[in-house]
PDB file of N, CA and C in Angstrom:
ATOM      1  N   MET A   1       0.897  -1.214  -0.093  1.00  0.00           N
ATOM      2  CA  MET A   1      -0.060  -0.103   0.004  1.00  0.00           C
ATOM      3  C   MET A   1       0.923   1.244   0.070  1.00  0.00           C
ATOM      4  N   ARG A   2       1.835   1.299   0.793  1.00  0.00           N
ATOM      5  CA  ARG A   2       2.807   2.319   0.981  1.00  0.00           C
ATOM      6  C   ARG A   2       3.554   2.492  -0.407  1.00  0.00           C
ATOM      7  N   THR A   3       3.902   1.589  -1.109  1.00  0.00           N
ATOM      8  CA  THR A   3       4.585   1.677  -2.409  1.00  0.00           C
ATOM      9  C   THR A   3       3.677   2.298  -3.422  1.00  0.00           C
ATOM     10  N   LEU A   4       2.406   1.753  -3.481  1.00  0.00           N
ATOM     11  CA  LEU A   4       1.344   2.443  -4.395  1.00  0.00           C
ATOM     12  C   LEU A   4       1.310   3.921  -4.080  1.00  0.00           C
ATOM     13  N   LEU A   5       1.188   4.313  -2.867  1.00  0.00           N
ATOM     14  CA  LEU A   5       1.022   5.757  -2.619  1.00  0.00           C
ATOM     15  C   LEU A   5       2.196   6.605  -3.001  1.00  0.00           C
ATOM     16  N   LEU A   6       3.524   6.002  -2.832  1.00  0.00           N
ATOM     17  CA  LEU A   6       4.640   6.743  -3.338  1.00  0.00           C
ATOM     18  C   LEU A   6       4.768   6.796  -4.915  1.00  0.00           C
ATOM     19  N   ILE A   7       4.160   5.785  -5.530  1.00  0.00           N
ATOM     20  CA  ILE A   7       4.295   5.723  -7.069  1.00  0.00           C
ATOM     21  C   ILE A   7       3.361   6.853  -7.531  1.00  0.00           C
ATOM     22  N   LEU A   8       1.958   6.758  -6.791  1.00  0.00           N
ATOM     23  CA  LEU A   8       0.961   7.844  -7.154  1.00  0.00           C
ATOM     24  C   LEU A   8       1.430   9.225  -6.894  1.00  0.00           C
ATOM     25  N   LEU A   9       2.201   9.479  -5.815  1.00  0.00           N
ATOM     26  CA  LEU A   9       2.658  10.755  -5.447  1.00  0.00           C
ATOM     27  C   LEU A   9       3.683  11.196  -6.482  1.00  0.00           C
ATOM     28  N   GLY A  10       4.622  10.286  -6.824  1.00  0.00           N
ATOM     29  CA  GLY A  10       5.658  10.615  -7.866  1.00  0.00           C
ATOM     30  C   GLY A  10       5.162  10.985  -9.253  1.00  0.00           C
ATOM     31  N   ILE A  11       4.049  10.284  -9.655  1.00  0.00           N
ATOM     32  CA  ILE A  11       3.304  10.509 -11.103  1.00  0.00           C
ATOM     33  C   ILE A  11       2.753  11.830 -10.927  1.00  0.00           C
ATOM     34  N   TRP A  12       2.075  12.298  -9.844  1.00  0.00           N
ATOM     35  CA  TRP A  12       1.432  13.532  -9.536  1.00  0.00           C
ATOM     36  C   TRP A  12       2.443  14.705  -9.607  1.00  0.00           C
ATOM     37  N   CYS A  13       3.585  14.529  -9.041  1.00  0.00           N
ATOM     38  CA  CYS A  13       4.586  15.534  -8.986  1.00  0.00           C
ATOM     39  C   CYS A  13       5.168  15.739 -10.477  1.00  0.00           C
ATOM     40  N   LEU A  14       5.169  14.593 -11.052  1.00  0.00           N
ATOM     41  CA  LEU A  14       5.777  14.809 -12.599  1.00  0.00           C
ATOM     42  C   LEU A  14       4.767  15.447 -13.502  1.00  0.00           C
ATOM     43  N   THR A  15       3.496  15.132 -13.325  1.00  0.00           N
ATOM     44  CA  THR A  15       2.642  15.862 -14.213  1.00  0.00           C
ATOM     45  C   THR A  15       2.130  17.202 -13.665  1.00  0.00           C
ATOM     46  N   ALA A  16       2.299  17.528 -12.505  1.00  0.00           N
ATOM     47  CA  ALA A  16       2.005  18.697 -11.983  1.00  0.00           C
ATOM     48  C   ALA A  16       3.079  19.775 -12.242  1.00  0.00           C
ATOM     49  N   TYR A  17       4.323  19.442 -12.325  1.00  0.00           N
ATOM     50  CA  TYR A  17       5.362  20.351 -12.497  1.00  0.00           C
ATOM     51  C   TYR A  17       6.084  20.181 -13.778  1.00  0.00           C
ATOM     52  N   GLY A  18       5.971  19.084 -14.423  1.00  0.00           N
ATOM     53  CA  GLY A  18       6.820  18.870 -15.610  1.00  0.00           C
ATOM     54  C   GLY A  18       6.291  18.993 -16.870  1.00  0.00           C
ATOM     55  N   VAL A  19       4.931  19.077 -17.065  1.00  0.00           N
ATOM     56  CA  VAL A  19       4.284  18.955 -18.330  1.00  0.00           C
ATOM     57  C   VAL A  19       3.351  20.007 -18.407  1.00  0.00           C
ATOM     58  N   ASP A  20       3.354  20.824 -19.465  1.00  0.00           N
ATOM     59  CA  ASP A  20       2.389  21.816 -19.859  1.00  0.00           C
ATOM     60  C   ASP A  20       1.286  21.080 -20.769  1.00  0.00           C
ATOM     61  N   GLY A  21       0.069  21.327 -20.518  1.00  0.00           N
ATOM     62  CA  GLY A  21      -1.066  20.713 -21.238  1.00  0.00           C
ATOM     63  C   GLY A  21      -0.925  21.191 -22.720  1.00  0.00           C
ATOM     64  N   VAL A  22      -1.457  20.519 -23.624  1.00  0.00           N
ATOM     65  CA  VAL A  22      -1.508  20.752 -24.990  1.00  0.00           C
ATOM     66  C   VAL A  22      -2.308  21.961 -25.169  1.00  0.00           C
ATOM     67  N   GLY A  23      -1.895  22.935 -25.928  1.00  0.00           N
ATOM     68  CA  GLY A  23      -2.636  24.158 -26.073  1.00  0.00           C
ATOM     69  C   GLY A  23      -2.707  25.138 -24.962  1.00  0.00           C
ATOM     70  N   SER A  24      -1.998  24.716 -23.820  1.00  0.00           N
ATOM     71  CA  SER A  24      -1.854  25.804 -22.703  1.00  0.00           C
ATOM     72  C   SER A  24      -0.790  26.644 -22.995  1.00  0.00           C
ATOM     73  N   GLU A  25      -0.941  27.738 -22.389  1.00  0.00           N
ATOM     74  CA  GLU A  25      -0.048  28.938 -22.512  1.00  0.00           C
ATOM     75  C   GLU A  25       0.915  28.928 -21.309  1.00  0.00           C
ATOM     76  N   ALA A  26       2.064  28.602 -21.453  1.00  0.00           N
ATOM     77  CA  ALA A  26       2.977  28.713 -20.486  1.00  0.00           C
ATOM     78  C   ALA A  26       3.498  30.075 -20.141  1.00  0.00           C
ATOM     79  N   LEU A  27       3.575  30.384 -18.809  1.00  0.00           N
ATOM     80  CA  LEU A  27       4.031  31.914 -18.362  1.00  0.00           C
ATOM     81  C   LEU A  27       5.317  31.950 -18.758  1.00  0.00           C
ATOM     82  N   GLU A  28       5.782  33.250 -19.102  1.00  0.00           N
ATOM     83  CA  GLU A  28       7.227  33.415 -19.385  1.00  0.00           C
ATOM     84  C   GLU A  28       8.041  33.466 -18.069  1.00  0.00           C
ATOM     85  N   LYS A  29       9.136  32.839 -17.975  1.00  0.00           N
ATOM     86  CA  LYS A  29       9.955  32.445 -16.806  1.00  0.00           C
ATOM     87  C   LYS A  29      10.907  33.757 -16.621  1.00  0.00           C
ATOM     88  N   SER A  30      11.242  34.506 -17.527  1.00  0.00           N
ATOM     89  CA  SER A  30      12.203  35.625 -17.450  1.00  0.00           C
ATOM     90  C   SER A  30      11.483  36.847 -17.052  1.00  0.00           C
ATOM     91  N   VAL A  31      11.421  37.369 -15.908  1.00  0.00           N
ATOM     92  CA  VAL A  31      10.837  38.590 -15.555  1.00  0.00           C
ATOM     93  C   VAL A  31      11.913  39.493 -14.933  1.00  0.00           C
ATOM     94  N   CYS A  32      11.973  40.773 -15.365  1.00  0.00           N
ATOM     95  CA  CYS A  32      12.885  41.525 -14.727  1.00  0.00           C
ATOM     96  C   CYS A  32      12.351  42.094 -13.417  1.00  0.00           C
ATOM     97  N   MET A  33      13.375  41.900 -12.417  1.00  0.00           N
ATOM     98  CA  MET A  33      12.860  42.462 -11.183  1.00  0.00           C
ATOM     99  C   MET A  33      13.644  43.697 -10.810  1.00  0.00           C
ATOM    100  N   SER A  34      14.752  43.952 -11.471  1.00  0.00           N
ATOM    101  CA  SER A  34      15.455  45.217 -11.349  1.00  0.00           C
ATOM    102  C   SER A  34      16.243  45.614 -12.622  1.00  0.00           C
ATOM    103  N   LEU A  35      16.632  46.803 -12.890  1.00  0.00           N
ATOM    104  CA  LEU A  35      17.172  47.283 -14.065  1.00  0.00           C
ATOM    105  C   LEU A  35      18.762  47.691 -13.769  1.00  0.00           C
ATOM    106  N   LYS A  36      19.684  47.199 -14.697  1.00  0.00           N
ATOM    107  CA  LYS A  36      21.001  47.642 -14.462  1.00  0.00           C
ATOM    108  C   LYS A  36      21.140  48.987 -14.826  1.00  0.00           C
ATOM    109  N   THR A  37      21.890  49.719 -14.114  1.00  0.00           N
ATOM    110  CA  THR A  37      22.070  51.209 -14.283  1.00  0.00           C
ATOM    111  C   THR A  37      23.431  51.536 -14.848  1.00  0.00           C
ATOM    112  N   ARG A  38      24.403  50.735 -14.879  1.00  0.00           N
ATOM    113  CA  ARG A  38      25.659  50.918 -15.359  1.00  0.00           C
ATOM    114  C   ARG A  38      25.745  50.203 -16.802  1.00  0.00           C
ATOM    115  N   PRO A  39      26.627  50.982 -17.616  1.00  0.00           N
ATOM    116  CA  PRO A  39      26.579  50.505 -19.041  1.00  0.00           C
ATOM    117  C   PRO A  39      27.115  49.128 -19.116  1.00  0.00           C
ATOM    118  N   LEU A  40      26.710  48.375 -20.108  1.00  0.00           N
ATOM    119  CA  LEU A  40      27.196  46.991 -20.461  1.00  0.00           C
ATOM    120  C   LEU A  40      28.064  47.176 -21.667  1.00  0.00           C
ATOM    121  N   PRO A  41      29.285  46.566 -21.710  1.00  0.00           N
ATOM    122  CA  PRO A  41      30.015  46.592 -22.861  1.00  0.00           C
ATOM    123  C   PRO A  41      29.384  46.048 -24.060  1.00  0.00           C
ATOM    124  N   VAL A  42      29.376  46.835 -25.247  1.00  0.00           N
ATOM    125  CA  VAL A  42      28.495  46.519 -26.254  1.00  0.00           C
ATOM    126  C   VAL A  42      29.111  45.222 -26.949  1.00  0.00           C
ATOM    127  N   HIS A  43      30.278  45.041 -26.952  1.00  0.00           N
ATOM    128  CA  HIS A  43      30.920  43.895 -27.601  1.00  0.00           C
ATOM    129  C   HIS A  43      30.619  42.683 -26.919  1.00  0.00           C
ATOM    130  N   ARG A  44      29.975  42.618 -25.813  1.00  0.00           N
ATOM    131  CA  ARG A  44      29.570  41.469 -25.133  1.00  0.00           C
ATOM    132  C   ARG A  44      28.054  41.036 -25.468  1.00  0.00           C
ATOM    133  N   ILE A  45      27.369  42.019 -26.085  1.00  0.00           N
ATOM    134  CA  ILE A  45      25.877  41.757 -26.232  1.00  0.00           C
ATOM    135  C   ILE A  45      25.715  40.983 -27.683  1.00  0.00           C
ATOM    136  N   ARG A  46      24.935  39.936 -27.558  1.00  0.00           N
ATOM    137  CA  ARG A  46      24.641  39.081 -28.700  1.00  0.00           C
ATOM    138  C   ARG A  46      23.423  39.587 -29.354  1.00  0.00           C
ATOM    139  N   THR A  47      22.265  39.813 -28.417  1.00  0.00           N
ATOM    140  CA  THR A  47      21.093  40.257 -29.181  1.00  0.00           C
ATOM    141  C   THR A  47      20.159  40.844 -27.943  1.00  0.00           C
ATOM    142  N   TYR A  48      19.097  41.326 -28.092  1.00  0.00           N
ATOM    143  CA  TYR A  48      18.220  41.840 -27.242  1.00  0.00           C
ATOM    144  C   TYR A  48      16.717  41.634 -27.450  1.00  0.00           C
ATOM    145  N   THR A  49      15.928  41.801 -26.459  1.00  0.00           N
ATOM    146  CA  THR A  49      14.403  41.841 -26.517  1.00  0.00           C
ATOM    147  C   THR A  49      13.946  43.008 -25.853  1.00  0.00           C
ATOM    148  N   ILE A  50      12.688  43.306 -26.182  1.00  0.00           N
ATOM    149  CA  ILE A  50      12.038  44.583 -25.467  1.00  0.00           C
ATOM    150  C   ILE A  50      10.928  44.064 -24.777  1.00  0.00           C
ATOM    151  N   LYS A  51      10.871  44.238 -23.420  1.00  0.00           N
ATOM    152  CA  LYS A  51       9.831  43.685 -22.602  1.00  0.00           C
ATOM    153  C   LYS A  51       8.813  44.782 -22.229  1.00  0.00           C
ATOM    154  N   GLU A  52       7.659  44.677 -22.607  1.00  0.00           N
ATOM    155  CA  GLU A  52       6.614  45.540 -22.079  1.00  0.00           C
ATOM    156  C   GLU A  52       5.742  44.928 -20.973  1.00  0.00           C
ATOM    157  N   GLY A  53       5.207  45.873 -20.222  1.00  0.00           N
ATOM    158  CA  GLY A  53       4.547  45.285 -19.046  1.00  0.00           C
ATOM    159  C   GLY A  53       4.609  46.230 -17.979  1.00  0.00           C
ATOM    160  N   SER A  54       4.504  45.936 -16.714  1.00  0.00           N
ATOM    161  CA  SER A  54       4.517  46.772 -15.607  1.00  0.00           C
ATOM    162  C   SER A  54       5.852  47.445 -15.382  1.00  0.00           C
ATOM    163  N   LEU A  55       6.834  46.728 -15.768  1.00  0.00           N
ATOM    164  CA  LEU A  55       8.336  47.283 -15.708  1.00  0.00           C
ATOM    165  C   LEU A  55       8.814  47.063 -17.203  1.00  0.00           C
ATOM    166  N   LYS A  56       8.826  48.218 -17.799  1.00  0.00           N
ATOM    167  CA  LYS A  56       9.359  48.139 -19.280  1.00  0.00           C
ATOM    168  C   LYS A  56      10.891  47.923 -19.053  1.00  0.00           C
ATOM    169  N   ALA A  57      11.350  47.111 -20.007  1.00  0.00           N
ATOM    170  CA  ALA A  57      12.769  46.844 -19.840  1.00  0.00           C
ATOM    171  C   ALA A  57      13.317  46.284 -21.372  1.00  0.00           C
ATOM    172  N   VAL A  58      14.626  46.449 -21.520  1.00  0.00           N
ATOM    173  CA  VAL A  58      15.341  45.888 -22.549  1.00  0.00           C
ATOM    174  C   VAL A  58      16.068  44.831 -21.996  1.00  0.00           C
ATOM    175  N   ILE A  59      15.904  43.479 -22.513  1.00  0.00           N
ATOM    176  CA  ILE A  59      16.725  42.533 -21.933  1.00  0.00           C
ATOM    177  C   ILE A  59      17.730  42.158 -22.968  1.00  0.00           C
ATOM    178  N   PHE A  60      19.004  42.492 -22.573  1.00  0.00           N
ATOM    179  CA  PHE A  60      20.259  42.205 -23.456  1.00  0.00           C
ATOM    180  C   PHE A  60      20.642  40.710 -23.062  1.00  0.00           C
ATOM    181  N   ILE A  61      20.862  40.011 -24.127  1.00  0.00           N
ATOM    182  CA  ILE A  61      21.407  38.623 -24.033  1.00  0.00           C
ATOM    183  C   ILE A  61      22.793  38.788 -24.511  1.00  0.00           C
ATOM    184  N   THR A  62      23.763  38.288 -23.575  1.00  0.00           N
ATOM    185  CA  THR A  62      25.171  38.361 -23.769  1.00  0.00           C
ATOM    186  C   THR A  62      25.644  37.125 -24.550  1.00  0.00           C
ATOM    187  N   LYS A  63      26.852  37.332 -24.962  1.00  0.00           N
ATOM    188  CA  LYS A  63      27.463  36.099 -25.749  1.00  0.00           C
ATOM    189  C   LYS A  63      27.552  34.811 -24.880  1.00  0.00           C
ATOM    190  N   ARG A  64      27.649  35.067 -23.668  1.00  0.00           N
ATOM    191  CA  ARG A  64      27.749  33.865 -22.663  1.00  0.00           C
ATOM    192  C   ARG A  64      26.193  33.399 -22.281  1.00  0.00           C
ATOM    193  N   GLY A  65      25.406  33.997 -22.701  1.00  0.00           N
ATOM    194  CA  GLY A  65      23.925  33.637 -22.467  1.00  0.00           C
ATOM    195  C   GLY A  65      23.145  34.279 -21.291  1.00  0.00           C
ATOM    196  N   PHE A  66      23.962  35.311 -20.672  1.00  0.00           N
ATOM    197  CA  PHE A  66      23.298  35.893 -19.566  1.00  0.00           C
ATOM    198  C   PHE A  66      22.272  36.894 -20.049  1.00  0.00           C
ATOM    199  N   LYS A  67      21.146  37.099 -19.149  1.00  0.00           N
ATOM    200  CA  LYS A  67      20.053  38.013 -19.567  1.00  0.00           C
ATOM    201  C   LYS A  67      20.241  39.146 -18.432  1.00  0.00           C
ATOM    202  N   ILE A  68      20.361  40.392 -19.053  1.00  0.00           N
ATOM    203  CA  ILE A  68      20.440  41.496 -18.287  1.00  0.00           C
ATOM    204  C   ILE A  68      19.609  42.665 -18.612  1.00  0.00           C
ATOM    205  N   CYS A  69      18.648  43.040 -17.669  1.00  0.00           N
ATOM    206  CA  CYS A  69      17.702  44.005 -17.880  1.00  0.00           C
ATOM    207  C   CYS A  69      18.259  45.470 -17.621  1.00  0.00           C
ATOM    208  N   ALA A  70      17.827  46.111 -18.563  1.00  0.00           N
ATOM    209  CA  ALA A  70      18.104  47.635 -18.472  1.00  0.00           C
ATOM    210  C   ALA A  70      16.838  48.618 -18.901  1.00  0.00           C
ATOM    211  N   ASN A  71      17.059  49.834 -18.477  1.00  0.00           N
ATOM    212  CA  ASN A  71      15.907  50.661 -18.670  1.00  0.00           C
ATOM    213  C   ASN A  71      16.119  51.328 -20.197  1.00  0.00           C
ATOM    214  N   PRO A  72      14.915  51.176 -20.841  1.00  0.00           N
ATOM    215  CA  PRO A  72      14.912  51.565 -22.234  1.00  0.00           C
ATOM    216  C   PRO A  72      15.156  53.047 -22.490  1.00  0.00           C
ATOM    217  N   GLU A  73      14.922  53.797 -21.317  1.00  0.00           N
ATOM    218  CA  GLU A  73      15.002  55.385 -21.552  1.00  0.00           C
ATOM    219  C   GLU A  73      16.529  55.808 -21.357  1.00  0.00           C
ATOM    220  N   ASP A  74      17.484  54.867 -20.851  1.00  0.00           N
ATOM    221  CA  ASP A  74      18.731  55.188 -20.394  1.00  0.00           C
ATOM    222  C   ASP A  74      19.607  55.410 -21.815  1.00  0.00           C
ATOM    223  N   GLU A  75      20.370  56.473 -21.886  1.00  0.00           N
ATOM    224  CA  GLU A  75      21.048  56.854 -23.049  1.00  0.00           C
ATOM    225  C   GLU A  75      21.981  55.689 -23.586  1.00  0.00           C
ATOM    226  N   TRP A  76      22.732  55.088 -22.575  1.00  0.00           N
ATOM    227  CA  TRP A  76      23.559  53.916 -22.889  1.00  0.00           C
ATOM    228  C   TRP A  76      22.781  52.638 -23.493  1.00  0.00           C
ATOM    229  N   VAL A  77      21.544  52.539 -23.077  1.00  0.00           N
ATOM    230  CA  VAL A  77      20.729  51.437 -23.675  1.00  0.00           C
ATOM    231  C   VAL A  77      20.334  51.725 -25.060  1.00  0.00           C
ATOM    232  N   LYS A  78      20.009  53.066 -25.452  1.00  0.00           N
ATOM    233  CA  LYS A  78      19.590  53.343 -26.801  1.00  0.00           C
ATOM    234  C   LYS A  78      20.932  53.224 -27.642  1.00  0.00           C
ATOM    235  N   LYS A  79      22.007  53.620 -27.219  1.00  0.00           N
ATOM    236  CA  LYS A  79      23.174  53.388 -28.119  1.00  0.00           C
ATOM    237  C   LYS A  79      23.623  52.018 -28.186  1.00  0.00           C
ATOM    238  N   ALA A  80      23.426  51.265 -27.175  1.00  0.00           N
ATOM    239  CA  ALA A  80      23.628  49.705 -27.254  1.00  0.00           C
ATOM    240  C   ALA A  80      22.787  49.156 -28.316  1.00  0.00           C
ATOM    241  N   ILE A  81      21.482  49.512 -28.286  1.00  0.00           N
ATOM    242  CA  ILE A  81      20.570  48.965 -29.307  1.00  0.00           C
ATOM    243  C   ILE A  81      20.946  49.322 -30.729  1.00  0.00           C
ATOM    244  N   LYS A  82      21.270  50.569 -30.846  1.00  0.00           N
ATOM    245  CA  LYS A  82      21.641  51.127 -32.245  1.00  0.00           C
ATOM    246  C   LYS A  82      22.911  50.255 -32.687  1.00  0.00           C
ATOM    247  N   SER A  83      23.738  49.942 -31.771  1.00  0.00           N
ATOM    248  CA  SER A  83      25.010  49.291 -32.152  1.00  0.00           C
ATOM    249  C   SER A  83      24.781  47.878 -32.447  1.00  0.00           C
ATOM    250  N   VAL A  84      23.973  47.290 -31.660  1.00  0.00           N
ATOM    251  CA  VAL A  84      23.563  45.783 -32.036  1.00  0.00           C
ATOM    252  C   VAL A  84      22.754  45.656 -33.338  1.00  0.00           C
ATOM    253  N   ASP A  85      21.898  46.698 -33.570  1.00  0.00           N
ATOM    254  CA  ASP A  85      21.117  46.708 -34.727  1.00  0.00           C
ATOM    255  C   ASP A  85      22.019  46.822 -35.996  1.00  0.00           C
ATOM    256  N   LYS A  86      23.045  47.798 -35.863  1.00  0.00           N
ATOM    257  CA  LYS A  86      23.829  47.861 -36.927  1.00  0.00           C
ATOM    258  C   LYS A  86      24.871  46.765 -37.277  1.00  0.00           C
ATOM    259  N   SER A  87      25.423  46.155 -36.185  1.00  0.00           N
ATOM    260  CA  SER A  87      26.118  44.953 -36.508  1.00  0.00           C
ATOM    261  C   SER A  87      25.357  43.802 -37.011  1.00  0.00           C
ATOM    262  N   THR A  88      24.138  43.681 -36.722  1.00  0.00           N
ATOM    263  CA  THR A  88      23.150  42.603 -37.204  1.00  0.00           C
ATOM    264  C   THR A  88      23.034  42.866 -38.632  1.00  0.00           C
ATOM    265  N   ARG A  89      22.718  44.194 -38.929  1.00  0.00           N
ATOM    266  CA  ARG A  89      22.546  44.404 -40.445  1.00  0.00           C
ATOM    267  C   ARG A  89      23.648  44.241 -41.144  1.00  0.00           C
ATOM    268  N   ARG A  90      24.999  44.567 -40.777  1.00  0.00           N
ATOM    269  CA  ARG A  90      26.230  44.390 -41.456  1.00  0.00           C
ATOM    270  C   ARG A  90      26.375  42.984 -41.635  1.00  0.00           C
ATOM    271  N   ASN A  91      26.120  42.095 -40.574  1.00  0.00           N
ATOM    272  CA  ASN A  91      26.291  40.756 -40.724  1.00  0.00           C
ATOM    273  C   ASN A  91      25.388  40.172 -41.780  1.00  0.00           C
ATOM    274  N   ALA A  92      24.306  40.557 -41.833  1.00  0.00           N
ATOM    275  CA  ALA A  92      23.281  40.084 -42.684  1.00  0.00           C
ATOM    276  C   ALA A  92      23.624  40.471 -44.266  1.00  0.00           C
ATOM    277  N   THR A  93      24.222  41.691 -44.414  1.00  0.00           N
ATOM    278  CA  THR A  93      24.559  41.963 -45.851  1.00  0.00           C
ATOM    279  C   THR A  93      25.799  41.278 -46.201  1.00  0.00           C
ATOM    280  N   GLN A  94      26.722  40.910 -45.297  1.00  0.00           N
ATOM    281  CA  GLN A  94      27.821  40.177 -45.630  1.00  0.00           C
ATOM    282  C   GLN A  94      27.682  38.838 -46.043  1.00  0.00           C
ATOM    283  N   THR A  95      26.621  38.312 -45.563  1.00  0.00           N
ATOM    284  CA  THR A  95      26.264  36.837 -45.838  1.00  0.00           C
ATOM    285  C   THR A  95      25.520  36.806 -47.117  1.00  0.00           C
ATOM    286  N   LYS A  96      26.154  36.537 -48.152  1.00  0.00           N
ATOM    287  CA  LYS A  96      25.480  36.491 -49.645  1.00  0.00           C
ATOM    288  C   LYS A  96      25.111  35.148 -50.088  1.00  0.00           C
ATOM    289  N   PRO A  97      23.905  34.873 -50.569  1.00  0.00           N
ATOM    290  CA  PRO A  97      23.601  33.595 -51.059  1.00  0.00           C
ATOM    291  C   PRO A  97      24.512  33.257 -52.242  1.00  0.00           C
ATOM    292  N   THR A  98      24.612  31.987 -52.465  1.00  0.00           N
ATOM    293  CA  THR A  98      25.398  31.421 -53.544  1.00  0.00           C
ATOM    294  C   THR A  98      24.727  31.760 -54.765  1.00  0.00           C
ATOM    295  N   GLY A  99      25.336  31.809 -55.872  1.00  0.00           N
ATOM    296  CA  GLY A  99      24.670  31.952 -57.151  1.00  0.00           C
ATOM    297  C   GLY A  99      23.921  30.742 -57.484  1.00  0.00           C
ATOM    298  N   THR A 100      23.194  31.035 -58.547  1.00  0.00           N
ATOM    299  CA  THR A 100      22.294  29.942 -59.040  1.00  0.00           C
ATOM    300  C   THR A 100      23.164  28.844 -59.597  1.00  0.00           C
ATOM    301  N   GLN A 101      22.585  27.706 -59.379  1.00  0.00           N
ATOM    302  CA  GLN A 101      23.369  26.508 -59.698  1.00  0.00           C
ATOM    303  C   GLN A 101      23.116  26.309 -61.156  1.00  0.00           C
ATOM    304  N   GLN A 102      24.110  26.019 -61.880  1.00  0.00           N
ATOM    305  CA  GLN A 102      23.971  25.611 -63.259  1.00  0.00           C
ATOM    306  C   GLN A 102      23.545  24.125 -63.479  1.00  0.00           C
ATOM    307  N   THR A 103      22.616  24.067 -64.313  1.00  0.00           N
ATOM    308  CA  THR A 103      22.226  22.666 -64.699  1.00  0.00           C
ATOM    309  C   THR A 103      23.049  22.094 -65.574  1.00  0.00           C
ATOM    310  N   THR A 104      23.353  20.709 -65.672  1.00  0.00           N
ATOM    311  CA  THR A 104      24.051  20.104 -66.564  1.00  0.00           C
ATOM    312  C   THR A 104      23.091  19.253 -67.371  1.00  0.00           C
ATOM    313  N   ASN A 105      23.507  19.263 -68.710  1.00  0.00           N
ATOM    314  CA  ASN A 105      22.675  18.520 -69.752  1.00  0.00           C
ATOM    315  C   ASN A 105      23.200  17.071 -69.947  1.00  0.00           C
ATOM    316  N   THR A 106      23.043  16.303 -68.963  1.00  0.00           N
ATOM    317  CA  THR A 106      23.454  14.820 -69.141  1.00  0.00           C
ATOM    318  C   THR A 106      22.374  13.961 -69.513  1.00  0.00           C
ATOM    319  N   ALA A 107      22.463  13.283 -70.606  1.00  0.00           N
ATOM    320  CA  ALA A 107      21.596  12.323 -71.121  1.00  0.00           C
ATOM    321  C   ALA A 107      21.822  10.964 -70.478  1.00  0.00           C
ATOM    322  N   VAL A 108      20.888  10.384 -70.025  1.00  0.00           N
ATOM    323  CA  VAL A 108      20.851   9.098 -69.340  1.00  0.00           C
ATOM    324  C   VAL A 108      20.089   8.055 -70.396  1.00  0.00           C
ATOM    325  N   THR A 109      20.698   6.982 -70.648  1.00  0.00           N
ATOM    326  CA  THR A 109      20.109   6.042 -71.540  1.00  0.00           C
ATOM    327  C   THR A 109      19.908   4.708 -70.823  1.00  0.00           C
ATOM    328  N   LEU A 110      18.694   4.322 -70.645  1.00  0.00           N
ATOM    329  CA  LEU A 110      18.359   3.157 -69.954  1.00  0.00           C
ATOM    330  C   LEU A 110      18.197   1.965 -70.931  1.00  0.00           C
ATOM    331  N   THR A 111      18.899   1.084 -70.679  1.00  0.00           N
ATOM    332  CA  THR A 111      18.621  -0.125 -71.586  1.00  0.00           C
ATOM    333  C   THR A 111      17.993  -1.340 -70.881  1.00  0.00           C
ATOM    334  N   GLY A 112      17.167  -1.923 -71.430  1.00  0.00           N
ATOM    335  CA  GLY A 112      16.335  -3.016 -70.775  1.00  0.00           C
ATOM    336  C   GLY A 112      16.745  -4.323 -71.045  1.00  0.00           C
TER     337      GLY A 112
END
């Protein structure tokens, strides 16, 4: 009986905390609790997202994967966003697609 209760408790824990239902909307786990006031070196920033809500913030994601919240009204944040956008555009224009592939006119003869 005790084993059965432990198994049921284990299954309940796994389903309650480990699985989101199909079609359910999972809440976003990264919420800014405070904003960084000192400037972040731009060369360490990989990308960013803008968070709207009760606390408006720019979430910078560093090259090491850290998420750092900053005030979107701060001057250093605006400059960092422009710099990241500029480097992203520059990288996009440097990556050129390969030219069209030329077709070869090779005839294949099948004999039966």
